[in-house]
Structures are given as C-alpha cells and as structure tokens.
C-alpha cells in the first residue's frame, strides 16, 4: 500500500463529504438550482476519483510500474482541475472557469488509461 496516497485519498474523501453536505444544505440559498447541480457534479467526480486513488494506493505492492505513479498524478491533477473549476464557477460565478473543466476531465481520462496500462503491463503475481 502507498501510505501517502492513501492518506491523500482520505483527505479528498473527507472534503467530498464536507462539500457534499454544504451543497445539499447551505448552497441552495446562495445560488440557482442549476449551479447546485453543477456543484453536485463536482462532488460526485471528486468521490469517484477518491476511490480511484484508493485503488491505486492498494495496488501499489502488486504493480511495480511508473504508469501507476502517473495514473495517481493525473487523478489528483484531474480532480483539482475538474472539480475545483466547477466549485470555483459555482462560488464565484466567474465564467472563465468553464474552459478549465475539460482539461481536468482529460487528466481524469488519462489517469484511467494509465491505470489500465499499468495493470495490462504488470507481471503475474501468485499465478493470477
């Protein structure tokens, strides 16, 4: 297990729960229903990729590959850019955050591809 990555995923999971609670209870009085929906999407993707980071952290002893390191990095950057830009868009109303979101999505996609490539190229462990 990669302890640092597991710890980082624990923090992003905590933040996803806290932000989700804020979005469900406090945000609806501050922004439109459409913006609440955008905020919820950001929380969902943060959660999905928190679980991806946990999977990478747990796979660490079984897959010795730089691809795994790159996958984790792209998941982290992707969460920051994708979810972060949506949070910023909702909280500030600044439309210029919009073009940042697809960059984050691209990073998330690359993370999944790299994770798959790491698994594909990994050595067989315990005959499985």
N, C-alpha and C. Protein backbone atom coordinates (compact mmCIF):
# COMPACT_ATOMS: atom_id res chain seq x y z
N UNK A 1 0.85 -1.18 0.00
CA UNK A 1 0.00 0.00 0.00
C UNK A 1 0.90 1.24 0.00
N UNK A 2 0.48 2.23 -0.75
CA UNK A 2 1.18 3.52 -0.73
C UNK A 2 0.50 4.38 0.32
N UNK A 3 1.16 4.52 1.46
CA UNK A 3 0.56 5.21 2.62
C UNK A 3 0.24 6.67 2.32
N UNK A 4 1.15 7.38 1.66
CA UNK A 4 0.93 8.79 1.35
C UNK A 4 -0.27 9.00 0.45
N UNK A 5 -0.38 8.17 -0.57
CA UNK A 5 -1.51 8.27 -1.50
C UNK A 5 -2.81 7.91 -0.81
N UNK A 6 -2.76 6.89 0.04
CA UNK A 6 -3.96 6.50 0.80
C UNK A 6 -4.40 7.64 1.72
N UNK A 7 -3.44 8.29 2.35
CA UNK A 7 -3.75 9.43 3.21
C UNK A 7 -4.35 10.58 2.40
N UNK A 8 -3.75 10.86 1.24
CA UNK A 8 -4.28 11.92 0.38
C UNK A 8 -5.72 11.61 -0.04
N UNK A 9 -5.98 10.35 -0.39
CA UNK A 9 -7.34 9.95 -0.76
C UNK A 9 -8.29 10.11 0.42
N UNK A 10 -7.81 9.85 1.62
CA UNK A 10 -8.65 10.05 2.81
C UNK A 10 -9.05 11.52 2.97
N UNK A 11 -8.12 12.40 2.68
CA UNK A 11 -8.40 13.84 2.77
C UNK A 11 -9.40 14.25 1.68
N UNK A 12 -9.19 13.77 0.45
CA UNK A 12 -10.13 14.16 -0.61
C UNK A 12 -11.51 13.56 -0.36
N UNK A 13 -11.56 12.38 0.24
CA UNK A 13 -12.86 11.80 0.61
C UNK A 13 -13.56 12.62 1.68
N UNK A 14 -12.80 13.03 2.70
CA UNK A 14 -13.35 13.89 3.75
C UNK A 14 -13.91 15.17 3.14
N UNK A 15 -13.11 15.80 2.27
CA UNK A 15 -13.55 17.05 1.64
C UNK A 15 -14.79 16.84 0.78
N UNK A 16 -14.87 15.71 0.09
CA UNK A 16 -16.04 15.44 -0.73
C UNK A 16 -17.30 15.34 0.13
N UNK A 17 -17.19 14.69 1.29
CA UNK A 17 -18.34 14.60 2.19
C UNK A 17 -18.72 15.99 2.71
N UNK A 18 -17.73 16.75 3.14
CA UNK A 18 -17.99 18.09 3.67
C UNK A 18 -18.59 19.00 2.60
N UNK A 19 -18.02 18.98 1.40
CA UNK A 19 -18.55 19.81 0.32
C UNK A 19 -19.93 19.34 -0.13
N UNK A 20 -20.14 18.03 -0.12
CA UNK A 20 -21.46 17.50 -0.46
C UNK A 20 -22.52 17.95 0.53
N UNK A 21 -22.17 17.95 1.82
CA UNK A 21 -23.11 18.43 2.85
C UNK A 21 -23.40 19.91 2.67
N UNK A 22 -22.35 20.68 2.38
CA UNK A 22 -22.55 22.10 2.13
C UNK A 22 -23.44 22.31 0.91
N UNK A 23 -23.19 21.55 -0.15
CA UNK A 23 -24.00 21.66 -1.35
C UNK A 23 -25.45 21.28 -1.13
N UNK A 24 -25.69 20.31 -0.27
CA UNK A 24 -27.05 19.85 -0.01
C UNK A 24 -27.82 20.75 0.94
N UNK A 25 -27.10 21.40 1.86
CA UNK A 25 -27.80 22.14 2.90
C UNK A 25 -27.60 23.66 2.87
N UNK A 26 -26.44 24.12 2.48
CA UNK A 26 -26.17 25.55 2.57
C UNK A 26 -26.18 26.28 1.24
N UNK A 27 -25.88 25.56 0.19
CA UNK A 27 -25.69 26.22 -1.09
C UNK A 27 -26.99 26.65 -1.76
N UNK A 28 -28.06 25.90 -1.52
CA UNK A 28 -29.32 26.18 -2.23
C UNK A 28 -29.88 27.57 -1.94
N UNK A 29 -29.47 28.17 -0.83
CA UNK A 29 -29.92 29.53 -0.51
C UNK A 29 -29.03 30.60 -1.12
N UNK A 30 -27.90 30.18 -1.72
CA UNK A 30 -26.93 31.14 -2.24
C UNK A 30 -26.89 31.23 -3.76
N UNK A 31 -27.20 30.11 -4.44
CA UNK A 31 -27.09 30.07 -5.90
C UNK A 31 -28.31 29.40 -6.50
N UNK A 32 -28.41 29.44 -7.83
CA UNK A 32 -29.54 28.84 -8.53
C UNK A 32 -29.51 27.32 -8.44
N UNK A 33 -30.64 26.70 -8.75
CA UNK A 33 -30.73 25.24 -8.75
C UNK A 33 -29.76 24.64 -9.78
N UNK A 34 -29.57 25.32 -10.89
CA UNK A 34 -28.62 24.85 -11.91
C UNK A 34 -27.20 24.82 -11.35
N UNK A 35 -26.83 25.83 -10.60
CA UNK A 35 -25.49 25.87 -10.02
C UNK A 35 -25.32 24.84 -8.91
N UNK A 36 -26.39 24.55 -8.18
CA UNK A 36 -26.34 23.48 -7.17
C UNK A 36 -26.07 22.15 -7.87
N UNK A 37 -26.69 21.95 -9.03
CA UNK A 37 -26.48 20.73 -9.81
C UNK A 37 -25.02 20.63 -10.28
N UNK A 38 -24.45 21.74 -10.70
CA UNK A 38 -23.05 21.76 -11.12
C UNK A 38 -22.15 21.41 -9.94
N UNK A 39 -22.46 21.96 -8.78
CA UNK A 39 -21.68 21.68 -7.56
C UNK A 39 -21.76 20.19 -7.21
N UNK A 40 -22.95 19.61 -7.33
CA UNK A 40 -23.12 18.19 -7.03
C UNK A 40 -22.29 17.33 -7.99
N UNK A 41 -22.22 17.73 -9.26
CA UNK A 41 -21.41 17.01 -10.22
C UNK A 41 -19.94 17.03 -9.81
N UNK A 42 -19.48 18.17 -9.35
CA UNK A 42 -18.09 18.29 -8.88
C UNK A 42 -17.83 17.34 -7.71
N UNK A 43 -18.77 17.28 -6.77
CA UNK A 43 -18.62 16.40 -5.62
C UNK A 43 -18.61 14.94 -6.07
N UNK A 44 -19.51 14.57 -6.99
CA UNK A 44 -19.55 13.19 -7.48
C UNK A 44 -18.23 12.78 -8.09
N UNK A 45 -17.69 13.61 -8.97
CA UNK A 45 -16.43 13.27 -9.63
C UNK A 45 -15.27 13.25 -8.64
N UNK A 46 -15.32 14.09 -7.64
CA UNK A 46 -14.29 14.04 -6.60
C UNK A 46 -14.37 12.71 -5.87
N UNK A 47 -15.58 12.27 -5.56
CA UNK A 47 -15.75 10.97 -4.89
C UNK A 47 -15.25 9.82 -5.76
N UNK A 48 -15.68 9.79 -7.02
CA UNK A 48 -15.26 8.70 -7.91
C UNK A 48 -13.74 8.58 -7.94
N UNK A 49 -13.09 9.71 -8.03
CA UNK A 49 -11.64 9.68 -8.19
C UNK A 49 -10.90 9.55 -6.86
N UNK A 50 -11.58 9.81 -5.77
CA UNK A 50 -11.04 9.45 -4.46
C UNK A 50 -10.94 7.93 -4.38
N UNK A 51 -11.98 7.24 -4.83
CA UNK A 51 -11.95 5.77 -4.83
C UNK A 51 -10.90 5.24 -5.80
N UNK A 52 -10.71 5.93 -6.93
CA UNK A 52 -9.65 5.54 -7.86
C UNK A 52 -8.28 5.65 -7.18
N UNK A 53 -8.07 6.73 -6.44
CA UNK A 53 -6.80 6.89 -5.73
C UNK A 53 -6.62 5.80 -4.67
N UNK A 54 -7.68 5.43 -4.00
CA UNK A 54 -7.59 4.34 -3.02
C UNK A 54 -7.19 3.04 -3.72
N UNK A 55 -7.77 2.78 -4.89
CA UNK A 55 -7.43 1.58 -5.65
C UNK A 55 -5.96 1.59 -6.05
N UNK A 56 -5.48 2.74 -6.51
CA UNK A 56 -4.07 2.85 -6.88
C UNK A 56 -3.19 2.63 -5.66
N UNK A 57 -3.55 3.23 -4.54
CA UNK A 57 -2.75 3.06 -3.32
C UNK A 57 -2.69 1.60 -2.89
N UNK A 58 -3.81 0.90 -3.00
CA UNK A 58 -3.84 -0.50 -2.61
C UNK A 58 -3.13 -1.41 -3.61
N UNK A 59 -3.11 -1.01 -4.88
CA UNK A 59 -2.46 -1.81 -5.93
C UNK A 59 -0.94 -1.67 -5.90
N UNK A 60 -0.45 -0.67 -5.21
CA UNK A 60 0.98 -0.33 -5.21
C UNK A 60 1.91 -1.54 -5.00
N UNK A 61 1.66 -2.41 -4.02
CA UNK A 61 2.58 -3.53 -3.80
C UNK A 61 2.54 -4.58 -4.92
N UNK A 62 1.47 -4.58 -5.68
CA UNK A 62 1.27 -5.63 -6.68
C UNK A 62 1.67 -5.21 -8.09
N UNK A 63 1.73 -3.91 -8.33
CA UNK A 63 2.04 -3.41 -9.67
C UNK A 63 3.22 -2.45 -9.56
N UNK A 64 4.36 -2.92 -9.95
CA UNK A 64 5.57 -2.10 -9.90
C UNK A 64 5.71 -1.41 -11.26
N UNK A 65 5.15 -0.22 -11.37
CA UNK A 65 5.17 0.47 -12.65
C UNK A 65 5.10 1.98 -12.44
N UNK A 66 5.89 2.69 -13.23
CA UNK A 66 5.78 4.15 -13.20
C UNK A 66 4.41 4.60 -13.71
N UNK A 67 3.79 3.77 -14.51
CA UNK A 67 2.46 4.10 -15.02
C UNK A 67 1.47 4.32 -13.88
N UNK A 68 1.64 3.55 -12.81
CA UNK A 68 0.77 3.70 -11.64
C UNK A 68 0.99 5.06 -10.98
N UNK A 69 2.23 5.47 -10.91
CA UNK A 69 2.56 6.79 -10.36
C UNK A 69 1.93 7.89 -11.21
N UNK A 70 2.07 7.75 -12.52
CA UNK A 70 1.48 8.74 -13.44
C UNK A 70 -0.04 8.75 -13.34
N UNK A 71 -0.65 7.57 -13.22
CA UNK A 71 -2.11 7.49 -13.09
C UNK A 71 -2.56 8.26 -11.85
N UNK A 72 -1.89 8.04 -10.72
CA UNK A 72 -2.24 8.76 -9.49
C UNK A 72 -2.09 10.26 -9.68
N UNK A 73 -1.02 10.67 -10.32
CA UNK A 73 -0.80 12.10 -10.56
C UNK A 73 -1.89 12.71 -11.42
N UNK A 74 -2.27 12.00 -12.48
CA UNK A 74 -3.34 12.53 -13.34
C UNK A 74 -4.68 12.55 -12.62
N UNK A 75 -4.94 11.56 -11.76
CA UNK A 75 -6.18 11.61 -10.97
C UNK A 75 -6.19 12.83 -10.04
N UNK A 76 -5.08 13.11 -9.41
CA UNK A 76 -5.00 14.25 -8.48
C UNK A 76 -5.16 15.56 -9.23
N UNK A 77 -4.40 15.73 -10.30
CA UNK A 77 -4.50 16.97 -11.09
C UNK A 77 -5.90 17.09 -11.70
N UNK A 78 -6.41 15.97 -12.18
CA UNK A 78 -7.75 15.99 -12.78
C UNK A 78 -8.83 16.38 -11.80
N UNK A 79 -8.76 15.86 -10.57
CA UNK A 79 -9.73 16.25 -9.55
C UNK A 79 -9.63 17.74 -9.25
N UNK A 80 -8.40 18.22 -9.12
CA UNK A 80 -8.20 19.64 -8.81
C UNK A 80 -8.75 20.52 -9.92
N UNK A 81 -8.47 20.16 -11.17
CA UNK A 81 -8.92 20.99 -12.28
C UNK A 81 -10.41 20.82 -12.56
N UNK A 82 -10.89 19.58 -12.59
CA UNK A 82 -12.29 19.34 -12.93
C UNK A 82 -13.20 19.81 -11.79
N UNK A 83 -13.08 19.17 -10.64
CA UNK A 83 -13.97 19.53 -9.53
C UNK A 83 -13.66 20.94 -9.03
N UNK A 84 -12.38 21.27 -8.94
CA UNK A 84 -12.01 22.60 -8.46
C UNK A 84 -12.56 23.72 -9.31
N UNK A 85 -12.51 23.54 -10.63
CA UNK A 85 -13.03 24.59 -11.52
C UNK A 85 -14.55 24.71 -11.39
N UNK A 86 -15.23 23.58 -11.20
CA UNK A 86 -16.68 23.65 -11.02
C UNK A 86 -17.05 24.29 -9.69
N UNK A 87 -16.31 23.95 -8.63
CA UNK A 87 -16.54 24.61 -7.34
C UNK A 87 -16.34 26.12 -7.48
N UNK A 88 -15.26 26.50 -8.14
CA UNK A 88 -14.95 27.92 -8.31
C UNK A 88 -16.01 28.62 -9.16
N UNK A 89 -16.46 27.96 -10.20
CA UNK A 89 -17.51 28.54 -11.06
C UNK A 89 -18.77 28.82 -10.25
N UNK A 90 -19.17 27.84 -9.45
CA UNK A 90 -20.39 28.00 -8.65
C UNK A 90 -20.21 29.09 -7.60
N UNK A 91 -19.08 29.10 -6.92
CA UNK A 91 -18.89 30.03 -5.80
C UNK A 91 -18.60 31.46 -6.25
N UNK A 92 -17.95 31.62 -7.40
CA UNK A 92 -17.59 32.97 -7.84
C UNK A 92 -18.47 33.49 -8.97
N UNK A 93 -19.07 32.59 -9.72
CA UNK A 93 -19.85 33.00 -10.88
C UNK A 93 -18.98 33.39 -12.06
N UNK A 94 -17.66 33.28 -11.93
CA UNK A 94 -16.73 33.65 -12.99
C UNK A 94 -16.76 32.60 -14.09
N UNK A 95 -17.27 32.97 -15.24
CA UNK A 95 -17.45 32.04 -16.36
C UNK A 95 -16.12 31.54 -16.93
N UNK A 96 -15.03 32.26 -16.69
CA UNK A 96 -13.76 31.84 -17.26
C UNK A 96 -13.27 30.52 -16.69
N UNK A 97 -13.86 30.05 -15.58
CA UNK A 97 -13.51 28.74 -15.04
C UNK A 97 -13.99 27.61 -15.94
N UNK A 98 -15.02 27.87 -16.73
CA UNK A 98 -15.60 26.85 -17.59
C UNK A 98 -14.60 26.10 -18.47
N UNK A 99 -13.70 26.79 -19.17
CA UNK A 99 -12.74 26.08 -20.03
C UNK A 99 -11.71 25.24 -19.27
N UNK A 100 -11.57 25.45 -17.98
CA UNK A 100 -10.62 24.66 -17.19
C UNK A 100 -11.17 23.24 -16.97
N UNK A 101 -12.48 23.12 -16.87
CA UNK A 101 -13.12 21.85 -16.55
C UNK A 101 -12.74 20.73 -17.54
N UNK A 102 -12.79 20.97 -18.86
CA UNK A 102 -12.41 19.88 -19.78
C UNK A 102 -10.94 19.46 -19.66
N UNK A 103 -10.08 20.38 -19.26
CA UNK A 103 -8.68 19.99 -19.02
C UNK A 103 -8.60 18.99 -17.87
N UNK A 104 -9.39 19.25 -16.84
CA UNK A 104 -9.45 18.31 -15.72
C UNK A 104 -10.02 16.98 -16.15
N UNK A 105 -11.07 17.02 -16.96
CA UNK A 105 -11.66 15.78 -17.47
C UNK A 105 -10.68 14.98 -18.29
N UNK A 106 -9.88 15.67 -19.09
CA UNK A 106 -8.84 14.99 -19.88
C UNK A 106 -7.82 14.32 -18.97
N UNK A 107 -7.43 14.99 -17.90
CA UNK A 107 -6.50 14.41 -16.95
C UNK A 107 -7.10 13.16 -16.29
N UNK A 108 -8.38 13.22 -15.95
CA UNK A 108 -9.04 12.06 -15.35
C UNK A 108 -9.06 10.88 -16.32
N UNK A 109 -9.37 11.16 -17.57
CA UNK A 109 -9.35 10.11 -18.59
C UNK A 109 -7.96 9.49 -18.74
N UNK A 110 -6.95 10.34 -18.76
CA UNK A 110 -5.57 9.84 -18.85
C UNK A 110 -5.22 8.99 -17.64
N UNK A 111 -5.69 9.40 -16.47
CA UNK A 111 -5.45 8.60 -15.27
C UNK A 111 -6.02 7.19 -15.41
N UNK A 112 -7.24 7.09 -15.92
CA UNK A 112 -7.84 5.77 -16.12
C UNK A 112 -7.08 4.96 -17.16
N UNK A 113 -6.67 5.60 -18.25
CA UNK A 113 -5.90 4.89 -19.27
C UNK A 113 -4.58 4.40 -18.71
N UNK A 114 -3.90 5.23 -17.95
CA UNK A 114 -2.62 4.84 -17.37
C UNK A 114 -2.78 3.73 -16.33
N UNK A 115 -3.85 3.80 -15.56
CA UNK A 115 -4.12 2.72 -14.60
C UNK A 115 -4.34 1.41 -15.34
N UNK A 116 -5.14 1.44 -16.40
CA UNK A 116 -5.36 0.25 -17.20
C UNK A 116 -4.08 -0.28 -17.82
N UNK A 117 -3.26 0.63 -18.34
CA UNK A 117 -1.98 0.24 -18.94
C UNK A 117 -1.05 -0.38 -17.90
N UNK A 118 -1.05 0.17 -16.69
CA UNK A 118 -0.21 -0.38 -15.62
C UNK A 118 -0.65 -1.80 -15.29
N UNK A 119 -1.94 -2.02 -15.22
CA UNK A 119 -2.45 -3.37 -14.93
C UNK A 119 -2.12 -4.30 -16.10
N UNK A 120 -2.34 -3.83 -17.31
CA UNK A 120 -2.10 -4.64 -18.50
C UNK A 120 -0.64 -5.09 -18.58
N UNK A 121 0.28 -4.19 -18.25
CA UNK A 121 1.71 -4.47 -18.37
C UNK A 121 2.31 -5.12 -17.13
N UNK A 122 1.51 -5.29 -16.09
CA UNK A 122 2.05 -5.82 -14.82
C UNK A 122 2.40 -7.30 -14.95
N UNK A 123 3.32 -7.70 -14.12
CA UNK A 123 3.69 -9.11 -14.05
C UNK A 123 2.60 -9.89 -13.33
N UNK A 124 2.54 -11.15 -13.59
CA UNK A 124 1.58 -12.02 -12.91
C UNK A 124 2.09 -12.26 -11.48
N UNK A 125 1.23 -12.05 -10.49
CA UNK A 125 1.57 -12.25 -9.09
C UNK A 125 0.72 -13.40 -8.56
N UNK A 126 1.33 -14.37 -7.91
CA UNK A 126 0.63 -15.52 -7.33
C UNK A 126 -0.13 -16.31 -8.39
N UNK A 127 0.36 -16.34 -9.62
CA UNK A 127 -0.25 -17.15 -10.67
C UNK A 127 -1.60 -16.65 -11.15
N UNK A 128 -1.97 -15.39 -10.82
CA UNK A 128 -3.29 -14.87 -11.23
C UNK A 128 -3.15 -13.75 -12.21
